């Protein structure tokens, strides 16, 4: 049996899910981060009702 540890994620920014533009601000922020070489993506945090821009790499 193989066990994998959950990935360490760093939250770069949070955006409210109730924003009139939906996830667009989070998507735009993630795109800007990727343009700077940071592997960022958007995930939904259901508990806090927010879109989170996260990276699996450690940032400074």
Protein backbone atom coordinates (compact mmCIF):
# COMPACT_ATOMS: atom_id res chain seq x y z
CA UNK A 1 0.00 0.00 0.00
CA UNK A 2 1.32 3.42 -0.97
CA UNK A 3 0.66 6.46 1.17
CA UNK A 4 1.12 9.99 -0.01
CA UNK A 5 1.37 13.03 2.17
CA UNK A 6 -0.81 16.03 1.35
CA UNK A 7 1.01 18.78 -0.52
CA UNK A 8 2.00 21.88 1.40
CA UNK A 9 0.14 24.80 -0.11
CA UNK A 10 0.83 28.48 0.30
CA UNK A 11 -2.14 30.81 -0.02
CA UNK A 12 -1.06 33.81 -2.08
CA UNK A 13 -4.37 35.71 -2.03
CA UNK A 14 -8.05 35.33 -1.12
CA UNK A 15 -11.07 36.56 -3.07
CA UNK A 16 -14.71 36.48 -1.89
CA UNK A 17 -16.89 34.04 -3.82
CA UNK A 18 -19.74 36.56 -3.78
CA UNK A 19 -17.80 39.02 -5.96
CA UNK A 20 -19.93 40.30 -8.88
CA UNK A 21 -17.31 38.98 -11.33
CA UNK A 22 -17.16 35.56 -9.67
CA UNK A 23 -13.75 33.92 -9.85
CA UNK A 24 -12.37 36.32 -12.48
CA UNK A 25 -10.31 38.44 -10.03
CA UNK A 26 -8.74 35.27 -8.63
CA UNK A 27 -8.09 33.92 -12.13
CA UNK A 28 -6.49 37.20 -13.20
CA UNK A 29 -4.29 37.26 -10.10
CA UNK A 30 -3.20 33.65 -10.67
CA UNK A 31 -2.39 34.45 -14.31
CA UNK A 32 -0.24 37.41 -13.22
CA UNK A 33 1.60 35.19 -10.74
CA UNK A 34 2.26 32.55 -13.42
CA UNK A 35 3.66 35.30 -15.67
CA UNK A 36 6.18 35.97 -12.88
CA UNK A 37 7.16 32.29 -12.72
CA UNK A 38 5.06 31.25 -9.72
CA UNK A 39 3.01 28.09 -10.28
CA UNK A 40 -0.30 29.51 -9.02
CA UNK A 41 -3.80 28.12 -9.36
CA UNK A 42 -7.28 28.92 -8.10
CA UNK A 43 -9.15 26.65 -5.71
CA UNK A 44 -12.48 27.12 -3.95
CA UNK A 45 -12.56 27.00 -0.15
CA UNK A 46 -16.14 26.01 0.63
CA UNK A 47 -15.76 26.54 4.39
CA UNK A 48 -14.84 30.21 4.03
CA UNK A 49 -16.75 30.77 0.73
CA UNK A 50 -13.64 32.20 -0.92
CA UNK A 51 -11.55 31.60 -4.01
CA UNK A 52 -7.94 31.02 -2.99
CA UNK A 53 -4.92 31.50 -5.21
CA UNK A 54 -2.47 28.85 -4.04
CA UNK A 55 0.90 27.46 -4.96
CA UNK A 56 2.41 24.10 -4.02
CA UNK A 57 5.87 25.67 -3.87
CA UNK A 58 7.29 27.63 -0.98
CA UNK A 59 7.33 31.38 -1.55
CA UNK A 60 9.51 33.93 0.18
